[in-house]
Amino acid sequence: MHISEGILSAPVLLSGAGVTIIGTALGLRGMKEEKIPRTALLSSAFFVASLVHVPVGPSSAHLILNGLVGILLGWAAFPAILLGLTLQAALFQFGGLTTLGVNTMNMALPAVICYFLFHLLVKKKSTALTGIAGFLAGFLGVLLSGLMVALSLVFTGEYFRQVAKLVIIVHLPIMFIEGVITGFIVVFLRKVKPEILEG
């Protein structure tokens, strides 16, 4: 869901940058030293998962894994996703440096929302409840990111309304795929390393 450079209006770019700065500051402030390797690992997973993308007008469709990143990192999802997007912009010209704030906000804010909605549920002893919470986090993470990308485009100009609808439609299969992936991962972690979900 990278938004390319030269698309968004200045108010949208500045708003996205402001939210990203605040979110990243909160994420770095609360990041303990033992959480740094986990943050780096999830940033790498995000980087690799979103490398393969299909262009959709001024945006693109690809795996994000922001629901998983959110459940495991909370506010630290902001610096993790910011780092991944910065490397993608610098190395592969996905998105861009001027849209870095908006792109980070569009992916990291839903991750944090998923953390607050589902992090307590994935810690439950019920494997079924953990799997369902993981699925919902994966699904909702992509859905919210799609909605935020759509809103970013619509707030830039009415002529992006059709593209905004298309962004959400093409991400419907990805929502289900990410829901299944996230559900399996959190169930697996619950069995083999439950302390990761306790943080």
C-alpha atoms as a PDB file:
ATOM      1  CA  MET A   1       0.000   0.000   0.000  1.00  0.00           C
ATOM      2  CA  HIS A   2       2.802   2.390  -0.783  1.00  0.00           C
ATOM      3  CA  ILE A   3       1.557   5.748  -2.036  1.00  0.00           C
ATOM      4  CA  SER A   4       3.893   7.148  -4.653  1.00  0.00           C
ATOM      5  CA  GLU A   5       5.537  10.558  -4.509  1.00  0.00           C
ATOM      6  CA  GLY A   6       3.891  13.515  -6.208  1.00  0.00           C
ATOM      7  CA  ILE A   7       0.356  12.272  -5.489  1.00  0.00           C
ATOM      8  CA  LEU A   8      -0.700  13.624  -2.111  1.00  0.00           C
ATOM      9  CA  SER A   9      -1.422  17.209  -1.093  1.00  0.00           C
ATOM     10  CA  ALA A  10       0.821  19.074   1.353  1.00  0.00           C
ATOM     11  CA  PRO A  11      -1.714  19.008   4.258  1.00  0.00           C
ATOM     12  CA  VAL A  12      -2.048  15.204   3.960  1.00  0.00           C
ATOM     13  CA  LEU A  13       1.745  14.780   3.819  1.00  0.00           C
ATOM     14  CA  LEU A  14       2.282  17.022   6.850  1.00  0.00           C
ATOM     15  CA  SER A  15      -0.477  15.338   8.853  1.00  0.00           C
ATOM     16  CA  GLY A  16       0.972  11.896   8.121  1.00  0.00           C
ATOM     17  CA  ALA A  17       4.468  13.044   9.050  1.00  0.00           C
ATOM     18  CA  GLY A  18       3.185  14.506  12.326  1.00  0.00           C
ATOM     19  CA  VAL A  19       1.380  11.325  13.364  1.00  0.00           C
ATOM     20  CA  THR A  20       4.430   9.236  12.426  1.00  0.00           C
ATOM     21  CA  ILE A  21       6.797  11.420  14.441  1.00  0.00           C
ATOM     22  CA  ILE A  22       4.566  11.134  17.527  1.00  0.00           C
ATOM     23  CA  GLY A  23       4.026   7.385  17.086  1.00  0.00           C
ATOM     24  CA  THR A  24       7.726   6.723  16.537  1.00  0.00           C
ATOM     25  CA  ALA A  25       8.659   8.788  19.593  1.00  0.00           C
ATOM     26  CA  LEU A  26       6.197   6.807  21.721  1.00  0.00           C
ATOM     27  CA  GLY A  27       7.491   3.531  20.274  1.00  0.00           C
ATOM     28  CA  LEU A  28      11.146   4.368  20.925  1.00  0.00           C
ATOM     29  CA  ARG A  29      10.411   5.732  24.388  1.00  0.00           C
ATOM     30  CA  GLY A  30       8.726   2.514  25.482  1.00  0.00           C
ATOM     31  CA  MET A  31      11.160   0.134  23.777  1.00  0.00           C
ATOM     32  CA  LYS A  32      13.215  -1.780  26.303  1.00  0.00           C
ATOM     33  CA  GLU A  33      16.617  -3.124  25.373  1.00  0.00           C
ATOM     34  CA  GLU A  34      15.454  -6.743  25.299  1.00  0.00           C
ATOM     35  CA  LYS A  35      12.707  -5.784  22.824  1.00  0.00           C
ATOM     36  CA  ILE A  36      15.141  -4.469  20.183  1.00  0.00           C
ATOM     37  CA  PRO A  37      15.909  -7.876  18.555  1.00  0.00           C
ATOM     38  CA  ARG A  38      12.181  -8.669  18.285  1.00  0.00           C
ATOM     39  CA  THR A  39      11.529  -5.239  16.756  1.00  0.00           C
ATOM     40  CA  ALA A  40      14.355  -5.744  14.243  1.00  0.00           C
ATOM     41  CA  LEU A  41      13.069  -9.213  13.323  1.00  0.00           C
ATOM     42  CA  LEU A  42       9.520  -7.990  12.746  1.00  0.00           C
ATOM     43  CA  SER A  43      10.785  -4.979  10.800  1.00  0.00           C
ATOM     44  CA  SER A  44      12.664  -7.425   8.543  1.00  0.00           C
ATOM     45  CA  ALA A  45       9.553  -9.608   8.141  1.00  0.00           C
ATOM     46  CA  PHE A  46       7.525  -6.526   7.204  1.00  0.00           C
ATOM     47  CA  PHE A  47      10.240  -5.438   4.738  1.00  0.00           C
ATOM     48  CA  VAL A  48      10.340  -8.812   2.974  1.00  0.00           C
ATOM     49  CA  ALA A  49       6.558  -9.419   3.001  1.00  0.00           C
ATOM     50  CA  SER A  50       5.789  -6.104   1.334  1.00  0.00           C
ATOM     51  CA  LEU A  51       8.524  -6.333  -1.315  1.00  0.00           C
ATOM     52  CA  VAL A  52       6.349  -8.294  -3.744  1.00  0.00           C
ATOM     53  CA  HIS A  53       3.598  -5.909  -4.762  1.00  0.00           C
ATOM     54  CA  VAL A  54       1.118  -5.337  -7.566  1.00  0.00           C
ATOM     55  CA  PRO A  55       0.630  -1.686  -8.682  1.00  0.00           C
ATOM     56  CA  VAL A  56      -2.908  -0.334  -8.177  1.00  0.00           C
ATOM     57  CA  GLY A  57      -3.043   3.191  -9.610  1.00  0.00           C
ATOM     58  CA  PRO A  58      -0.965   5.461  -7.341  1.00  0.00           C
ATOM     59  CA  SER A  59      -0.776   2.711  -4.683  1.00  0.00           C
ATOM     60  CA  SER A  60       0.022  -1.032  -4.609  1.00  0.00           C
ATOM     61  CA  ALA A  61      -1.297  -4.312  -3.179  1.00  0.00           C
ATOM     62  CA  HIS A  62       0.947  -6.639  -1.177  1.00  0.00           C
ATOM     63  CA  LEU A  63       1.265  -8.462   2.128  1.00  0.00           C
ATOM     64  CA  ILE A  64       1.807  -6.157   5.089  1.00  0.00           C
ATOM     65  CA  LEU A  65       1.791  -8.226   8.313  1.00  0.00           C
ATOM     66  CA  ASN A  66       0.991  -5.080  10.294  1.00  0.00           C
ATOM     67  CA  GLY A  67      -1.582  -6.912  12.427  1.00  0.00           C
ATOM     68  CA  LEU A  68       1.119  -9.341  13.567  1.00  0.00           C
ATOM     69  CA  VAL A  69       3.636  -6.537  14.070  1.00  0.00           C
ATOM     70  CA  GLY A  70       1.086  -4.647  16.146  1.00  0.00           C
ATOM     71  CA  ILE A  71       0.194  -7.587  18.405  1.00  0.00           C
ATOM     72  CA  LEU A  72       3.843  -8.324  19.148  1.00  0.00           C
ATOM     73  CA  LEU A  73       5.220  -4.768  19.381  1.00  0.00           C
ATOM     74  CA  GLY A  74       2.486  -2.304  20.323  1.00  0.00           C
ATOM     75  CA  TRP A  75       3.729   1.266  19.847  1.00  0.00           C
ATOM     76  CA  ALA A  76       7.118  -0.075  18.716  1.00  0.00           C
ATOM     77  CA  ALA A  77       5.330  -0.961  15.455  1.00  0.00           C
ATOM     78  CA  PHE A  78       5.900   2.659  14.391  1.00  0.00           C
ATOM     79  CA  PRO A  79       9.731   2.583  14.391  1.00  0.00           C
ATOM     80  CA  ALA A  80       9.725  -0.997  13.018  1.00  0.00           C
ATOM     81  CA  ILE A  81       7.502  -0.117  10.051  1.00  0.00           C
ATOM     82  CA  LEU A  82       9.221   3.247   9.528  1.00  0.00           C
ATOM     83  CA  LEU A  83      12.569   1.485   9.196  1.00  0.00           C
ATOM     84  CA  GLY A  84      11.198  -1.066   6.727  1.00  0.00           C
ATOM     85  CA  LEU A  85       9.563   1.621   4.583  1.00  0.00           C
ATOM     86  CA  THR A  86      12.676   3.808   4.655  1.00  0.00           C
ATOM     87  CA  LEU A  87      14.805   0.951   3.328  1.00  0.00           C
ATOM     88  CA  GLN A  88      12.231   0.131   0.649  1.00  0.00           C
ATOM     89  CA  ALA A  89      12.082   3.759  -0.461  1.00  0.00           C
ATOM     90  CA  ALA A  90      15.879   4.122  -0.518  1.00  0.00           C
ATOM     91  CA  LEU A  91      16.735   0.761  -2.089  1.00  0.00           C
ATOM     92  CA  PHE A  92      13.782  -0.006  -4.365  1.00  0.00           C
ATOM     93  CA  GLN A  93      11.966   3.325  -4.822  1.00  0.00           C
ATOM     94  CA  PHE A  94       8.739   1.900  -3.357  1.00  0.00           C
ATOM     95  CA  GLY A  95       6.676   4.807  -2.070  1.00  0.00           C
ATOM     96  CA  GLY A  96       9.100   7.651  -1.552  1.00  0.00           C
ATOM     97  CA  LEU A  97      10.802   9.830   1.026  1.00  0.00           C
ATOM     98  CA  THR A  98       8.193  12.618   0.900  1.00  0.00           C
ATOM     99  CA  THR A  99       5.365  10.099   1.464  1.00  0.00           C
ATOM    100  CA  LEU A 100       7.260   8.191   4.156  1.00  0.00           C
ATOM    101  CA  GLY A 101       5.272   9.777   6.979  1.00  0.00           C
ATOM    102  CA  VAL A 102       1.879   9.043   5.410  1.00  0.00           C
ATOM    103  CA  ASN A 103       2.839   5.505   4.363  1.00  0.00           C
ATOM    104  CA  THR A 104       4.138   4.755   7.861  1.00  0.00           C
ATOM    105  CA  MET A 105       1.017   6.188   9.491  1.00  0.00           C
ATOM    106  CA  ASN A 106      -1.244   4.197   7.161  1.00  0.00           C
ATOM    107  CA  MET A 107       0.409   0.910   8.152  1.00  0.00           C
ATOM    108  CA  ALA A 108       1.602   1.498  11.727  1.00  0.00           C
ATOM    109  CA  LEU A 109      -1.467   3.182  13.232  1.00  0.00           C
ATOM    110  CA  PRO A 110      -3.691   0.175  12.352  1.00  0.00           C
ATOM    111  CA  ALA A 111      -0.993  -2.056  13.862  1.00  0.00           C
ATOM    112  CA  VAL A 112      -1.223  -0.165  17.158  1.00  0.00           C
ATOM    113  CA  ILE A 113      -5.039  -0.319  17.047  1.00  0.00           C
ATOM    114  CA  CYS A 114      -4.797  -4.105  16.582  1.00  0.00           C
ATOM    115  CA  TYR A 115      -2.488  -4.262  19.598  1.00  0.00           C
ATOM    116  CA  PHE A 116      -5.021  -2.542  21.850  1.00  0.00           C
ATOM    117  CA  LEU A 117      -7.910  -4.610  20.499  1.00  0.00           C
ATOM    118  CA  PHE A 118      -6.332  -8.079  20.466  1.00  0.00           C
ATOM    119  CA  HIS A 119      -3.147  -8.341  22.562  1.00  0.00           C
ATOM    120  CA  LEU A 120      -5.055  -9.516  25.645  1.00  0.00           C
ATOM    121  CA  LEU A 121      -7.056 -12.068  23.644  1.00  0.00           C
ATOM    122  CA  VAL A 122      -4.012 -13.762  22.077  1.00  0.00           C
ATOM    123  CA  LYS A 123      -2.656 -14.400  25.578  1.00  0.00           C
ATOM    124  CA  LYS A 124      -5.669 -16.477  26.590  1.00  0.00           C
ATOM    125  CA  LYS A 125      -5.148 -20.180  27.247  1.00  0.00           C
ATOM    126  CA  SER A 126      -7.732 -21.135  24.643  1.00  0.00           C
ATOM    127  CA  THR A 127      -5.983 -21.984  21.363  1.00  0.00           C
ATOM    128  CA  ALA A 128      -9.180 -21.295  19.431  1.00  0.00           C
ATOM    129  CA  LEU A 129      -9.532 -17.825  20.964  1.00  0.00           C
ATOM    130  CA  THR A 130      -5.870 -17.076  20.242  1.00  0.00           C
ATOM    131  CA  GLY A 131      -6.309 -18.137  16.612  1.00  0.00           C
ATOM    132  CA  ILE A 132      -9.488 -16.105  16.165  1.00  0.00           C
ATOM    133  CA  ALA A 133      -7.879 -13.018  17.715  1.00  0.00           C
ATOM    134  CA  GLY A 134      -4.852 -13.476  15.432  1.00  0.00           C
ATOM    135  CA  PHE A 135      -7.072 -13.811  12.369  1.00  0.00           C
ATOM    136  CA  LEU A 136      -9.040 -10.691  13.283  1.00  0.00           C
ATOM    137  CA  ALA A 137      -5.826  -8.730  13.890  1.00  0.00           C
ATOM    138  CA  GLY A 138      -4.401  -9.735  10.511  1.00  0.00           C
ATOM    139  CA  PHE A 139      -7.687  -9.011   8.722  1.00  0.00           C
ATOM    140  CA  LEU A 140      -8.353  -5.708  10.490  1.00  0.00           C
ATOM    141  CA  GLY A 141      -4.774  -4.491  10.091  1.00  0.00           C
ATOM    142  CA  VAL A 142      -5.050  -4.659   6.297  1.00  0.00           C
ATOM    143  CA  LEU A 143      -8.628  -3.344   6.262  1.00  0.00           C
ATOM    144  CA  LEU A 144      -7.741  -0.280   8.331  1.00  0.00           C
ATOM    145  CA  SER A 145      -4.604   0.355   6.273  1.00  0.00           C
ATOM    146  CA  GLY A 146      -6.668   0.173   3.090  1.00  0.00           C
ATOM    147  CA  LEU A 147      -9.198   2.619   4.506  1.00  0.00           C
ATOM    148  CA  MET A 148      -6.448   5.010   5.579  1.00  0.00           C
ATOM    149  CA  VAL A 149      -4.790   4.878   2.151  1.00  0.00           C
ATOM    150  CA  ALA A 150      -8.202   5.537   0.583  1.00  0.00           C
ATOM    151  CA  LEU A 151      -8.803   8.495   2.899  1.00  0.00           C
ATOM    152  CA  SER A 152      -5.335   9.879   2.163  1.00  0.00           C
ATOM    153  CA  LEU A 153      -6.184   9.845  -1.541  1.00  0.00           C
ATOM    154  CA  VAL A 154      -9.703  11.264  -1.106  1.00  0.00           C
ATOM    155  CA  PHE A 155      -8.479  14.105   1.130  1.00  0.00           C
ATOM    156  CA  THR A 156      -5.985  14.985  -1.610  1.00  0.00           C
ATOM    157  CA  GLY A 157      -8.682  15.315  -4.280  1.00  0.00           C
ATOM    158  CA  GLU A 158     -12.095  14.047  -5.346  1.00  0.00           C
ATOM    159  CA  TYR A 159     -10.606  12.667  -8.580  1.00  0.00           C
ATOM    160  CA  PHE A 160      -8.978   9.907  -6.494  1.00  0.00           C
ATOM    161  CA  ARG A 161     -12.342   8.567  -5.262  1.00  0.00           C
ATOM    162  CA  GLN A 162     -12.489   5.680  -7.767  1.00  0.00           C
ATOM    163  CA  VAL A 163      -8.870   4.714  -7.109  1.00  0.00           C
ATOM    164  CA  ALA A 164      -9.569   4.811  -3.353  1.00  0.00           C
ATOM    165  CA  LYS A 165     -12.409   2.307  -3.811  1.00  0.00           C
ATOM    166  CA  LEU A 166     -10.172   0.121  -5.963  1.00  0.00           C
ATOM    167  CA  VAL A 167      -7.451   0.060  -3.277  1.00  0.00           C
ATOM    168  CA  ILE A 168      -9.904  -1.438  -0.770  1.00  0.00           C
ATOM    169  CA  ILE A 169     -11.410  -3.917  -3.242  1.00  0.00           C
ATOM    170  CA  VAL A 170      -8.077  -5.375  -4.400  1.00  0.00           C
ATOM    171  CA  HIS A 171      -6.990  -5.844  -0.779  1.00  0.00           C
ATOM    172  CA  LEU A 172      -9.989  -8.029   0.154  1.00  0.00           C
ATOM    173  CA  PRO A 173      -8.140 -11.303  -0.637  1.00  0.00           C
ATOM    174  CA  ILE A 174      -5.059 -10.016   1.202  1.00  0.00           C
ATOM    175  CA  MET A 175      -7.170  -9.323   4.300  1.00  0.00           C
ATOM    176  CA  PHE A 176      -8.174 -12.999   4.485  1.00  0.00           C
ATOM    177  CA  ILE A 177      -4.670 -14.259   3.668  1.00  0.00           C
ATOM    178  CA  GLU A 178      -3.095 -12.088   6.353  1.00  0.00           C
ATOM    179  CA  GLY A 179      -5.780 -13.101   8.817  1.00  0.00           C
ATOM    180  CA  VAL A 180      -4.953 -16.788   8.294  1.00  0.00           C
ATOM    181  CA  ILE A 181      -1.177 -16.188   8.426  1.00  0.00           C
ATOM    182  CA  THR A 182      -1.396 -14.089  11.592  1.00  0.00           C
ATOM    183  CA  GLY A 183      -3.747 -16.583  13.233  1.00  0.00           C
ATOM    184  CA  PHE A 184      -1.370 -19.494  12.558  1.00  0.00           C
ATOM    185  CA  ILE A 185       1.663 -17.549  13.768  1.00  0.00           C
ATOM    186  CA  VAL A 186       0.144 -16.462  17.083  1.00  0.00           C
ATOM    187  CA  VAL A 187      -1.158 -19.997  17.769  1.00  0.00           C
ATOM    188  CA  PHE A 188       2.322 -21.351  17.013  1.00  0.00           C
ATOM    189  CA  LEU A 189       3.941 -18.769  19.308  1.00  0.00           C
ATOM    190  CA  ARG A 190       1.384 -19.551  22.019  1.00  0.00           C
ATOM    191  CA  LYS A 191       2.558 -23.194  21.939  1.00  0.00           C
ATOM    192  CA  VAL A 192       6.329 -22.842  21.551  1.00  0.00           C
ATOM    193  CA  LYS A 193       7.218 -19.436  23.054  1.00  0.00           C
ATOM    194  CA  PRO A 194       4.254 -17.945  24.919  1.00  0.00           C
ATOM    195  CA  GLU A 195       6.434 -15.323  26.633  1.00  0.00           C
ATOM    196  CA  ILE A 196       6.628 -13.446  23.321  1.00  0.00           C
ATOM    197  CA  LEU A 197       2.891 -12.803  23.551  1.00  0.00           C
ATOM    198  CA  GLU A 198       3.145 -11.769  27.188  1.00  0.00           C
ATOM    199  CA  GLY A 199       5.273  -8.681  26.550  1.00  0.00           C
END
